[in-house]
PDB file of N, CA and C in Angstrom:
ATOM      1  N   MET A   1     -40.011  26.599  34.050  1.00  0.00           N
ATOM      2  CA  MET A   1     -40.539  27.936  34.278  1.00  0.00           C
ATOM      3  C   MET A   1     -40.749  28.616  32.923  1.00  0.00           C
ATOM      4  N   ASP A   2     -41.916  29.163  32.701  1.00  0.00           N
ATOM      5  CA  ASP A   2     -42.165  29.808  31.415  1.00  0.00           C
ATOM      6  C   ASP A   2     -41.622  31.237  31.412  1.00  0.00           C
ATOM      7  N   ASN A   3     -41.527  31.811  30.227  1.00  0.00           N
ATOM      8  CA  ASN A   3     -40.937  33.149  30.078  1.00  0.00           C
ATOM      9  C   ASN A   3     -41.709  34.243  30.806  1.00  0.00           C
ATOM     10  N   ALA A   4     -43.010  34.059  30.980  1.00  0.00           N
ATOM     11  CA  ALA A   4     -43.823  35.079  31.638  1.00  0.00           C
ATOM     12  C   ALA A   4     -43.453  35.225  33.113  1.00  0.00           C
ATOM     13  N   ARG A   5     -42.857  34.214  33.692  1.00  0.00           N
ATOM     14  CA  ARG A   5     -42.545  34.254  35.117  1.00  0.00           C
ATOM     15  C   ARG A   5     -41.093  34.621  35.396  1.00  0.00           C
ATOM     16  N   LYS A   6     -40.259  34.655  34.401  1.00  0.00           N
ATOM     17  CA  LYS A   6     -38.856  34.993  34.608  1.00  0.00           C
ATOM     18  C   LYS A   6     -38.709  36.487  34.873  1.00  0.00           C
ATOM     19  N   LYS A   7     -37.809  36.800  35.776  1.00  0.00           N
ATOM     20  CA  LYS A   7     -37.517  38.208  36.029  1.00  0.00           C
ATOM     21  C   LYS A   7     -36.660  38.739  34.881  1.00  0.00           C
ATOM     22  N   PRO A   8     -36.952  39.951  34.424  1.00  0.00           N
ATOM     23  CA  PRO A   8     -36.102  40.534  33.381  1.00  0.00           C
ATOM     24  C   PRO A   8     -34.720  40.841  33.929  1.00  0.00           C
ATOM     25  N   GLN A   9     -33.725  40.756  33.090  1.00  0.00           N
ATOM     26  CA  GLN A   9     -32.358  41.092  33.467  1.00  0.00           C
ATOM     27  C   GLN A   9     -32.117  42.566  33.167  1.00  0.00           C
ATOM     28  N   TYR A  10     -31.656  43.300  34.161  1.00  0.00           N
ATOM     29  CA  TYR A  10     -31.385  44.718  33.991  1.00  0.00           C
ATOM     30  C   TYR A  10     -29.905  44.992  34.144  1.00  0.00           C
ATOM     31  N   ASN A  11     -29.412  45.891  33.335  1.00  0.00           N
ATOM     32  CA  ASN A  11     -28.075  46.415  33.521  1.00  0.00           C
ATOM     33  C   ASN A  11     -28.258  47.608  34.446  1.00  0.00           C
ATOM     34  N   TYR A  12     -27.999  47.414  35.720  1.00  0.00           N
ATOM     35  CA  TYR A  12     -28.308  48.409  36.734  1.00  0.00           C
ATOM     36  C   TYR A  12     -27.260  49.507  36.750  1.00  0.00           C
ATOM     37  N   VAL A  13     -27.602  50.642  36.178  1.00  0.00           N
ATOM     38  CA  VAL A  13     -26.715  51.797  36.142  1.00  0.00           C
ATOM     39  C   VAL A  13     -27.456  52.962  36.789  1.00  0.00           C
ATOM     40  N   THR A  14     -26.795  53.600  37.731  1.00  0.00           N
ATOM     41  CA  THR A  14     -27.407  54.735  38.413  1.00  0.00           C
ATOM     42  C   THR A  14     -26.752  56.032  37.943  1.00  0.00           C
ATOM     43  N   ILE A  15     -27.349  57.130  38.348  1.00  0.00           N
ATOM     44  CA  ILE A  15     -26.784  58.443  38.039  1.00  0.00           C
ATOM     45  C   ILE A  15     -25.378  58.554  38.626  1.00  0.00           C
ATOM     46  N   LYS A  16     -25.130  57.891  39.770  1.00  0.00           N
ATOM     47  CA  LYS A  16     -23.788  57.915  40.359  1.00  0.00           C
ATOM     48  C   LYS A  16     -22.775  57.265  39.420  1.00  0.00           C
ATOM     49  N   HIS A  17     -23.182  56.177  38.771  1.00  0.00           N
ATOM     50  CA  HIS A  17     -22.279  55.508  37.832  1.00  0.00           C
ATOM     51  C   HIS A  17     -22.002  56.394  36.609  1.00  0.00           C
ATOM     52  N   VAL A  18     -23.047  57.024  36.100  1.00  0.00           N
ATOM     53  CA  VAL A  18     -22.897  57.874  34.915  1.00  0.00           C
ATOM     54  C   VAL A  18     -22.040  59.094  35.239  1.00  0.00           C
ATOM     55  N   LEU A  19     -22.304  59.738  36.372  1.00  0.00           N
ATOM     56  CA  LEU A  19     -21.508  60.897  36.772  1.00  0.00           C
ATOM     57  C   LEU A  19     -20.061  60.492  37.022  1.00  0.00           C
ATOM     58  N   GLY A  20     -19.866  59.383  37.689  1.00  0.00           N
ATOM     59  CA  GLY A  20     -18.507  58.907  37.955  1.00  0.00           C
ATOM     60  C   GLY A  20     -17.729  58.639  36.682  1.00  0.00           C
ATOM     61  N   ALA A  21     -18.396  58.018  35.713  1.00  0.00           N
ATOM     62  CA  ALA A  21     -17.745  57.750  34.422  1.00  0.00           C
ATOM     63  C   ALA A  21     -17.402  59.052  33.714  1.00  0.00           C
ATOM     64  N   ARG A  22     -18.285  60.033  33.836  1.00  0.00           N
ATOM     65  CA  ARG A  22     -18.038  61.337  33.203  1.00  0.00           C
ATOM     66  C   ARG A  22     -16.832  62.024  33.847  1.00  0.00           C
ATOM     67  N   ILE A  23     -16.745  61.974  35.166  1.00  0.00           N
ATOM     68  CA  ILE A  23     -15.612  62.587  35.865  1.00  0.00           C
ATOM     69  C   ILE A  23     -14.314  61.890  35.462  1.00  0.00           C
ATOM     70  N   ALA A  24     -14.334  60.578  35.378  1.00  0.00           N
ATOM     71  CA  ALA A  24     -13.143  59.834  34.950  1.00  0.00           C
ATOM     72  C   ALA A  24     -12.751  60.223  33.527  1.00  0.00           C
ATOM     73  N   GLU A  25     -13.746  60.357  32.650  1.00  0.00           N
ATOM     74  CA  GLU A  25     -13.476  60.753  31.267  1.00  0.00           C
ATOM     75  C   GLU A  25     -12.822  62.137  31.209  1.00  0.00           C
ATOM     76  N   LEU A  26     -13.385  63.085  31.936  1.00  0.00           N
ATOM     77  CA  LEU A  26     -12.837  64.446  31.942  1.00  0.00           C
ATOM     78  C   LEU A  26     -11.443  64.476  32.552  1.00  0.00           C
ATOM     79  N   ARG A  27     -11.246  63.714  33.616  1.00  0.00           N
ATOM     80  CA  ARG A  27      -9.933  63.647  34.260  1.00  0.00           C
ATOM     81  C   ARG A  27      -8.883  63.143  33.276  1.00  0.00           C
ATOM     82  N   LYS A  28      -9.217  62.095  32.555  1.00  0.00           N
ATOM     83  CA  LYS A  28      -8.270  61.516  31.584  1.00  0.00           C
ATOM     84  C   LYS A  28      -8.019  62.474  30.422  1.00  0.00           C
ATOM     85  N   GLN A  29      -9.064  63.191  29.982  1.00  0.00           N
ATOM     86  CA  GLN A  29      -8.883  64.182  28.916  1.00  0.00           C
ATOM     87  C   GLN A  29      -7.900  65.268  29.325  1.00  0.00           C
ATOM     88  N   LYS A  30      -7.906  65.620  30.605  1.00  0.00           N
ATOM     89  CA  LYS A  30      -6.979  66.638  31.118  1.00  0.00           C
ATOM     90  C   LYS A  30      -5.593  66.066  31.398  1.00  0.00           C
ATOM     91  N   GLY A  31      -5.468  64.749  31.317  1.00  0.00           N
ATOM     92  CA  GLY A  31      -4.177  64.116  31.571  1.00  0.00           C
ATOM     93  C   GLY A  31      -3.851  63.992  33.048  1.00  0.00           C
ATOM     94  N   PHE A  32      -4.873  64.050  33.898  1.00  0.00           N
ATOM     95  CA  PHE A  32      -4.671  63.955  35.339  1.00  0.00           C
ATOM     96  C   PHE A  32      -4.755  62.506  35.809  1.00  0.00           C
ATOM     97  N   THR A  33      -3.965  62.171  36.796  1.00  0.00           N
ATOM     98  CA  THR A  33      -4.145  60.920  37.527  1.00  0.00           C
ATOM     99  C   THR A  33      -5.225  61.164  38.581  1.00  0.00           C
ATOM    100  N   GLN A  34      -5.697  60.091  39.190  1.00  0.00           N
ATOM    101  CA  GLN A  34      -6.632  60.269  40.296  1.00  0.00           C
ATOM    102  C   GLN A  34      -5.966  61.045  41.427  1.00  0.00           C
ATOM    103  N   GLU A  35      -4.685  60.799  41.613  1.00  0.00           N
ATOM    104  CA  GLU A  35      -3.944  61.499  42.666  1.00  0.00           C
ATOM    105  C   GLU A  35      -3.907  62.999  42.405  1.00  0.00           C
ATOM    106  N   ALA A  36      -3.648  63.379  41.155  1.00  0.00           N
ATOM    107  CA  ALA A  36      -3.577  64.804  40.810  1.00  0.00           C
ATOM    108  C   ALA A  36      -4.934  65.478  40.985  1.00  0.00           C
ATOM    109  N   LEU A  37      -6.000  64.807  40.531  1.00  0.00           N
ATOM    110  CA  LEU A  37      -7.338  65.386  40.689  1.00  0.00           C
ATOM    111  C   LEU A  37      -7.693  65.497  42.170  1.00  0.00           C
ATOM    112  N   ALA A  38      -7.381  64.477  42.935  1.00  0.00           N
ATOM    113  CA  ALA A  38      -7.667  64.506  44.372  1.00  0.00           C
ATOM    114  C   ALA A  38      -6.977  65.691  45.039  1.00  0.00           C
ATOM    115  N   GLU A  39      -5.727  65.898  44.699  1.00  0.00           N
ATOM    116  CA  GLU A  39      -4.984  67.018  45.290  1.00  0.00           C
ATOM    117  C   GLU A  39      -5.593  68.357  44.884  1.00  0.00           C
ATOM    118  N   LYS A  40      -5.898  68.521  43.608  1.00  0.00           N
ATOM    119  CA  LYS A  40      -6.461  69.788  43.125  1.00  0.00           C
ATOM    120  C   LYS A  40      -7.834  70.075  43.730  1.00  0.00           C
ATOM    121  N   ALA A  41      -8.634  69.021  43.920  1.00  0.00           N
ATOM    122  CA  ALA A  41      -9.996  69.192  44.435  1.00  0.00           C
ATOM    123  C   ALA A  41     -10.068  69.047  45.957  1.00  0.00           C
ATOM    124  N   GLN A  42      -8.929  68.784  46.590  1.00  0.00           N
ATOM    125  CA  GLN A  42      -8.843  68.604  48.034  1.00  0.00           C
ATOM    126  C   GLN A  42      -9.728  67.450  48.517  1.00  0.00           C
ATOM    127  N   TYR A  43      -9.601  66.335  47.810  1.00  0.00           N
ATOM    128  CA  TYR A  43     -10.261  65.084  48.181  1.00  0.00           C
ATOM    129  C   TYR A  43      -9.193  64.022  48.368  1.00  0.00           C
ATOM    130  N   SER A  44      -9.573  62.918  48.969  1.00  0.00           N
ATOM    131  CA  SER A  44      -8.656  61.788  49.048  1.00  0.00           C
ATOM    132  C   SER A  44      -8.699  61.021  47.729  1.00  0.00           C
ATOM    133  N   VAL A  45      -7.626  60.338  47.429  1.00  0.00           N
ATOM    134  CA  VAL A  45      -7.583  59.504  46.225  1.00  0.00           C
ATOM    135  C   VAL A  45      -8.672  58.435  46.322  1.00  0.00           C
ATOM    136  N   GLU A  46      -8.880  57.911  47.513  1.00  0.00           N
ATOM    137  CA  GLU A  46      -9.902  56.888  47.719  1.00  0.00           C
ATOM    138  C   GLU A  46     -11.282  57.416  47.331  1.00  0.00           C
ATOM    139  N   PHE A  47     -11.597  58.651  47.723  1.00  0.00           N
ATOM    140  CA  PHE A  47     -12.906  59.220  47.385  1.00  0.00           C
ATOM    141  C   PHE A  47     -13.050  59.383  45.881  1.00  0.00           C
ATOM    142  N   ILE A  48     -12.023  59.884  45.221  1.00  0.00           N
ATOM    143  CA  ILE A  48     -12.078  60.032  43.756  1.00  0.00           C
ATOM    144  C   ILE A  48     -12.320  58.672  43.113  1.00  0.00           C
ATOM    145  N   SER A  49     -11.634  57.661  43.583  1.00  0.00           N
ATOM    146  CA  SER A  49     -11.828  56.305  43.066  1.00  0.00           C
ATOM    147  C   SER A  49     -13.265  55.841  43.277  1.00  0.00           C
ATOM    148  N   PHE A  50     -13.801  56.066  44.464  1.00  0.00           N
ATOM    149  CA  PHE A  50     -15.187  55.675  44.757  1.00  0.00           C
ATOM    150  C   PHE A  50     -16.168  56.418  43.857  1.00  0.00           C
ATOM    151  N   VAL A  51     -15.936  57.698  43.632  1.00  0.00           N
ATOM    152  CA  VAL A  51     -16.814  58.494  42.764  1.00  0.00           C
ATOM    153  C   VAL A  51     -16.768  57.945  41.340  1.00  0.00           C
ATOM    154  N   GLU A  52     -15.578  57.717  40.828  1.00  0.00           N
ATOM    155  CA  GLU A  52     -15.444  57.253  39.443  1.00  0.00           C
ATOM    156  C   GLU A  52     -16.069  55.876  39.236  1.00  0.00           C
ATOM    157  N   ARG A  53     -16.134  55.074  40.285  1.00  0.00           N
ATOM    158  CA  ARG A  53     -16.749  53.744  40.194  1.00  0.00           C
ATOM    159  C   ARG A  53     -18.238  53.749  40.540  1.00  0.00           C
ATOM    160  N   GLY A  54     -18.778  54.911  40.883  1.00  0.00           N
ATOM    161  CA  GLY A  54     -20.194  55.004  41.195  1.00  0.00           C
ATOM    162  C   GLY A  54     -20.567  54.506  42.571  1.00  0.00           C
ATOM    163  N   VAL A  55     -19.577  54.365  43.450  1.00  0.00           N
ATOM    164  CA  VAL A  55     -19.838  53.920  44.816  1.00  0.00           C
ATOM    165  C   VAL A  55     -20.361  55.086  45.653  1.00  0.00           C
ATOM    166  N   HIS A  56     -19.736  56.245  45.491  1.00  0.00           N
ATOM    167  CA  HIS A  56     -20.146  57.474  46.178  1.00  0.00           C
ATOM    168  C   HIS A  56     -20.363  58.561  45.134  1.00  0.00           C
ATOM    169  N   SER A  57     -21.032  59.611  45.553  1.00  0.00           N
ATOM    170  CA  SER A  57     -21.190  60.767  44.670  1.00  0.00           C
ATOM    171  C   SER A  57     -20.840  62.027  45.450  1.00  0.00           C
ATOM    172  N   PRO A  58     -20.278  63.005  44.766  1.00  0.00           N
ATOM    173  CA  PRO A  58     -19.941  64.256  45.446  1.00  0.00           C
ATOM    174  C   PRO A  58     -21.196  65.089  45.687  1.00  0.00           C
ATOM    175  N   SER A  59     -21.135  65.911  46.713  1.00  0.00           N
ATOM    176  CA  SER A  59     -22.202  66.889  46.953  1.00  0.00           C
ATOM    177  C   SER A  59     -22.156  67.930  45.834  1.00  0.00           C
ATOM    178  N   ILE A  60     -23.111  68.833  45.829  1.00  0.00           N
ATOM    179  CA  ILE A  60     -23.093  69.904  44.824  1.00  0.00           C
ATOM    180  C   ILE A  60     -21.857  70.775  45.018  1.00  0.00           C
ATOM    181  N   GLU A  61     -21.474  70.995  46.271  1.00  0.00           N
ATOM    182  CA  GLU A  61     -20.247  71.747  46.537  1.00  0.00           C
ATOM    183  C   GLU A  61     -19.034  70.962  46.047  1.00  0.00           C
ATOM    184  N   GLY A  62     -19.082  69.655  46.209  1.00  0.00           N
ATOM    185  CA  GLY A  62     -18.008  68.799  45.711  1.00  0.00           C
ATOM    186  C   GLY A  62     -17.920  68.813  44.199  1.00  0.00           C
ATOM    187  N   CYS A  63     -19.071  68.852  43.551  1.00  0.00           N
ATOM    188  CA  CYS A  63     -19.079  68.958  42.081  1.00  0.00           C
ATOM    189  C   CYS A  63     -18.415  70.256  41.648  1.00  0.00           C
ATOM    190  N   ASP A  64     -18.680  71.320  42.399  1.00  0.00           N
ATOM    191  CA  ASP A  64     -18.059  72.609  42.096  1.00  0.00           C
ATOM    192  C   ASP A  64     -16.545  72.521  42.256  1.00  0.00           C
ATOM    193  N   ARG A  65     -16.075  71.878  43.326  1.00  0.00           N
ATOM    194  CA  ARG A  65     -14.630  71.704  43.540  1.00  0.00           C
ATOM    195  C   ARG A  65     -14.008  70.883  42.422  1.00  0.00           C
ATOM    196  N   LEU A  66     -14.678  69.814  42.006  1.00  0.00           N
ATOM    197  CA  LEU A  66     -14.158  68.970  40.924  1.00  0.00           C
ATOM    198  C   LEU A  66     -14.112  69.746  39.612  1.00  0.00           C
ATOM    199  N   ALA A  67     -15.167  70.514  39.341  1.00  0.00           N
ATOM    200  CA  ALA A  67     -15.196  71.304  38.112  1.00  0.00           C
ATOM    201  C   ALA A  67     -14.061  72.324  38.093  1.00  0.00           C
ATOM    202  N   LYS A  68     -13.840  72.996  39.198  1.00  0.00           N
ATOM    203  CA  LYS A  68     -12.747  73.973  39.277  1.00  0.00           C
ATOM    204  C   LYS A  68     -11.399  73.280  39.108  1.00  0.00           C
ATOM    205  N   ALA A  69     -11.242  72.109  39.720  1.00  0.00           N
ATOM    206  CA  ALA A  69      -9.981  71.362  39.595  1.00  0.00           C
ATOM    207  C   ALA A  69      -9.740  70.926  38.156  1.00  0.00           C
ATOM    208  N   LEU A  70     -10.826  70.631  37.441  1.00  0.00           N
ATOM    209  CA  LEU A  70     -10.722  70.212  36.040  1.00  0.00           C
ATOM    210  C   LEU A  70     -10.729  71.408  35.082  1.00  0.00           C
ATOM    211  N   ASP A  71     -10.902  72.620  35.623  1.00  0.00           N
ATOM    212  CA  ASP A  71     -10.951  73.859  34.844  1.00  0.00           C
ATOM    213  C   ASP A  71     -12.073  73.806  33.801  1.00  0.00           C
ATOM    214  N   ILE A  72     -13.261  73.411  34.281  1.00  0.00           N
ATOM    215  CA  ILE A  72     -14.450  73.351  33.423  1.00  0.00           C
ATOM    216  C   ILE A  72     -15.610  74.003  34.161  1.00  0.00           C
ATOM    217  N   HIS A  73     -16.703  74.239  33.456  1.00  0.00           N
ATOM    218  CA  HIS A  73     -17.929  74.707  34.091  1.00  0.00           C
ATOM    219  C   HIS A  73     -18.606  73.510  34.749  1.00  0.00           C
ATOM    220  N   ILE A  74     -19.269  73.755  35.860  1.00  0.00           N
ATOM    221  CA  ILE A  74     -19.915  72.668  36.578  1.00  0.00           C
ATOM    222  C   ILE A  74     -20.924  71.933  35.696  1.00  0.00           C
ATOM    223  N   LYS A  75     -21.578  72.646  34.802  1.00  0.00           N
ATOM    224  CA  LYS A  75     -22.570  72.013  33.924  1.00  0.00           C
ATOM    225  C   LYS A  75     -21.942  70.955  33.029  1.00  0.00           C
ATOM    226  N   ASP A  76     -20.643  71.103  32.749  1.00  0.00           N
ATOM    227  CA  ASP A  76     -19.966  70.128  31.894  1.00  0.00           C
ATOM    228  C   ASP A  76     -19.831  68.765  32.562  1.00  0.00           C
ATOM    229  N   LEU A  77     -19.907  68.720  33.891  1.00  0.00           N
ATOM    230  CA  LEU A  77     -19.868  67.421  34.580  1.00  0.00           C
ATOM    231  C   LEU A  77     -21.104  66.592  34.217  1.00  0.00           C
ATOM    232  N   PHE A  78     -22.192  67.292  33.877  1.00  0.00           N
ATOM    233  CA  PHE A  78     -23.464  66.612  33.636  1.00  0.00           C
ATOM    234  C   PHE A  78     -23.808  66.539  32.150  1.00  0.00           C
ATOM    235  N   ASP A  79     -22.821  66.682  31.306  1.00  0.00           N
ATOM    236  CA  ASP A  79     -23.019  66.612  29.851  1.00  0.00           C
ATOM    237  C   ASP A  79     -22.888  65.164  29.406  1.00  0.00           C
ATOM    238  N   PHE A  80     -23.913  64.367  29.725  1.00  0.00           N
ATOM    239  CA  PHE A  80     -23.920  62.963  29.342  1.00  0.00           C
ATOM    240  C   PHE A  80     -25.266  62.566  28.814  1.00  0.00           C
TER     241      PHE A  80
END
């Protein structure tokens, strides 16, 4: 098979992955465990884990809850 016919390899990263990584970064900067963030934001630990791994994403209202739990402005969640 020649190179013209090969499919390009992509590192498939979505906005959910980027946002999740940002939330994990902010959580760690605050010294919170996933359990602590879940409690503060009134989410399950499982949901926080899914968000940080890019499996699920929070709604805009959920982003607001996460921002308040992290004591940051909501816009800071999207500073990536």
